Protein backbone atom coordinates (compact mmCIF):
# COMPACT_ATOMS: atom_id res chain seq x y z
CA UNK A 1 112.65 76.75 79.41
CA UNK A 2 112.96 73.57 82.16
CA UNK A 3 117.06 73.94 80.37
CA UNK A 4 117.17 77.90 81.90
CA UNK A 5 115.81 76.51 85.61
CA UNK A 6 117.49 73.28 85.17
CA UNK A 7 120.79 74.76 85.31
CA UNK A 8 119.54 77.71 87.09
CA UNK A 9 118.70 75.66 90.29
CA UNK A 10 122.79 74.54 89.13
CA UNK A 11 124.34 77.30 88.89
CA UNK A 12 122.96 78.21 92.93
CA UNK A 13 123.24 74.19 94.04
CA UNK A 14 127.64 74.78 93.22
CA UNK A 15 127.56 78.30 94.55
CA UNK A 16 126.37 77.34 97.43
CA UNK A 17 128.91 74.51 97.56
CA UNK A 18 131.51 76.34 97.28
CA UNK A 19 131.21 78.66 99.92
CA UNK A 20 130.44 76.04 102.53
CA UNK A 21 133.27 73.99 101.39
CA UNK A 22 136.36 76.61 101.97
CA UNK A 23 139.19 75.09 101.20
CA UNK A 24 137.26 71.49 100.18
CA UNK A 25 136.97 71.81 96.15
CA UNK A 26 138.73 74.71 94.13
CA UNK A 27 141.55 76.52 95.24
CA UNK A 28 140.70 78.86 97.78
CA UNK A 29 142.65 82.45 97.62
CA UNK A 30 144.79 82.33 100.60
CA UNK A 31 146.48 84.99 98.81
CA UNK A 32 147.48 88.02 101.40
CA UNK A 33 148.36 88.75 105.08
CA UNK A 34 147.39 86.81 108.28
CA UNK A 35 147.72 87.33 111.76
CA UNK A 36 147.09 84.51 114.08
CA UNK A 37 144.19 84.69 115.61
CA UNK A 38 144.71 81.06 117.60
CA UNK A 39 146.71 78.10 118.76
CA UNK A 40 145.73 75.28 119.79
CA UNK A 41 143.83 76.88 122.64
CA UNK A 42 145.94 79.51 123.07
CA UNK A 43 143.46 83.01 121.99
CA UNK A 44 145.93 85.74 120.36
CA UNK A 45 143.93 89.15 121.41
CA UNK A 46 145.00 90.20 117.68
CA UNK A 47 144.48 93.72 116.56
CA UNK A 48 143.24 94.76 112.88
CA UNK A 49 147.04 95.71 112.86
CA UNK A 50 149.71 93.46 113.66
CA UNK A 51 151.73 94.89 116.59
CA UNK A 52 154.65 93.68 119.02
CA UNK A 53 153.66 90.07 119.85
CA UNK A 54 151.93 89.41 117.43
CA UNK A 55 152.72 86.88 114.21
CA UNK A 56 151.68 87.51 110.81
CA UNK A 57 152.20 84.58 107.78
CA UNK A 58 152.87 85.92 104.55
CA UNK A 59 151.00 83.83 101.71
CA UNK A 60 151.93 85.28 97.71
CA UNK A 61 151.49 82.80 94.71
CA UNK A 62 154.02 80.27 95.30
CA UNK A 63 155.75 81.22 98.82
CA UNK A 64 155.06 81.96 102.39
CA UNK A 65 156.40 82.84 105.15
CA UNK A 66 155.74 83.92 109.05
CA UNK A 67 157.09 86.01 111.86
CA UNK A 68 156.87 86.97 115.21
CA UNK A 69 157.46 86.08 118.90
CA UNK A 70 156.28 83.70 120.74
CA UNK A 71 156.58 83.34 124.37
CA UNK A 72 159.16 85.83 124.34
CA UNK A 73 161.29 84.58 121.50
CA UNK A 74 161.56 85.36 118.47
CA UNK A 75 159.79 82.22 115.88
CA UNK A 76 159.62 82.32 111.93
CA UNK A 77 159.78 80.48 108.91
CA UNK A 78 159.86 80.59 105.02
CA UNK A 79 159.54 78.37 102.47
CA UNK A 80 156.77 76.80 99.51
CA UNK A 81 153.21 76.01 99.39
CA UNK A 82 151.09 74.03 97.51
CA UNK A 83 147.09 73.11 97.64
CA UNK A 84 144.70 70.27 96.58
CA UNK A 85 141.73 68.67 97.97
CA UNK A 86 141.49 70.40 100.87
CA UNK A 87 145.18 69.93 101.72
CA UNK A 88 147.03 72.53 102.34
CA UNK A 89 151.34 71.92 102.27
CA UNK A 90 154.31 74.02 103.39
CA UNK A 91 157.51 72.31 102.03
CA UNK A 92 159.32 74.86 104.90
CA UNK A 93 163.03 75.62 103.62
CA UNK A 94 163.99 77.66 106.84
CA UNK A 95 163.01 78.00 110.72
CA UNK A 96 163.97 79.23 113.59
CA UNK A 97 163.45 75.84 115.17
CA UNK A 98 165.92 74.06 113.20
CA UNK A 99 163.84 70.11 113.02
CA UNK A 100 161.98 71.34 110.90
CA UNK A 101 163.93 72.99 108.49
CA UNK A 102 163.19 70.56 104.66
CA UNK A 103 159.73 68.88 106.14
CA UNK A 104 156.79 68.87 104.42
CA UNK A 105 154.04 69.65 106.15
CA UNK A 106 150.06 68.63 104.63
CA UNK A 107 147.61 70.60 107.04
CA UNK A 108 144.17 69.57 106.29
CA UNK A 109 142.11 73.13 105.98
CA UNK A 110 139.06 75.55 105.47
CA UNK A 111 138.28 78.60 104.90
CA UNK A 112 134.96 80.58 106.86
CA UNK A 113 135.38 84.34 105.77
CA UNK A 114 138.54 85.50 107.23
CA UNK A 115 139.43 82.76 109.13
CA UNK A 116 141.64 79.94 107.97
CA UNK A 117 141.31 76.67 109.63
CA UNK A 118 144.02 74.50 109.97
CA UNK A 119 145.77 71.75 111.26
CA UNK A 120 148.15 68.67 111.10
CA UNK A 121 149.44 66.66 113.43
CA UNK A 122 152.61 65.09 111.97
CA UNK A 123 156.64 63.72 112.95
CA UNK A 124 160.13 65.95 112.61
CA UNK A 125 163.15 64.77 113.89
CA UNK A 126 161.55 62.22 116.46
CA UNK A 127 159.70 64.76 117.67
CA UNK A 128 155.35 64.96 117.42
CA UNK A 129 153.99 68.74 116.13
CA UNK A 130 150.11 69.21 116.75
CA UNK A 131 149.70 72.03 114.87
CA UNK A 132 146.23 73.31 115.61
CA UNK A 133 145.47 77.30 113.98
CA UNK A 134 143.32 79.86 113.56
CA UNK A 135 144.22 82.83 111.47
CA UNK A 136 142.85 86.19 110.01
CA UNK A 137 143.11 87.91 107.07
CA UNK A 138 144.17 91.10 107.66
CA UNK A 139 142.51 94.04 105.17
CA UNK A 140 144.89 96.91 103.73
CA UNK A 141 145.02 99.83 106.09
CA UNK A 142 146.88 102.93 104.88
CA UNK A 143 150.18 103.96 105.85
CA UNK A 144 150.54 107.24 107.34
CA UNK A 145 152.42 108.40 104.23
CA UNK A 146 149.91 107.33 102.19
CA UNK A 147 147.44 109.94 104.12
CA UNK A 148 145.98 113.09 102.79
CA UNK A 149 146.85 114.64 105.70
CA UNK A 150 150.34 112.65 106.89
CA UNK A 151 151.93 115.92 105.36
CA UNK A 152 150.33 118.89 106.92
CA UNK A 153 150.90 120.13 110.79
């Protein structure tokens, strides 16, 4: 009986620790669509679905891509990613900022519900970059073509 209580207590403790640790410890599920809601001190008025000017990040099993408009011009990039021990790492293959192409950037990260916080401080091609971003997971919304009343007059 005491072993059963101990294991139930241990399981509850592990569950609480995993919920509090976010990106730390086990690998989080970062796959999906994300929208940038904060970059440093700048907050974006991101809606539930992307609109003109929004910056989005798409994450698959091993690749990522970002696209959008920042400061009135196209901004985006793509490459591969990995995660280990609380560190999300991007290997940037292409980017609108050529100085970032070929860079490997390690971000400290944490998940808080649907918010993904990640930050990095690094030098690329002689320039220092300080990135402190918050992304919000986008929920799947049906396309007009998928709605039952889409074809109705």
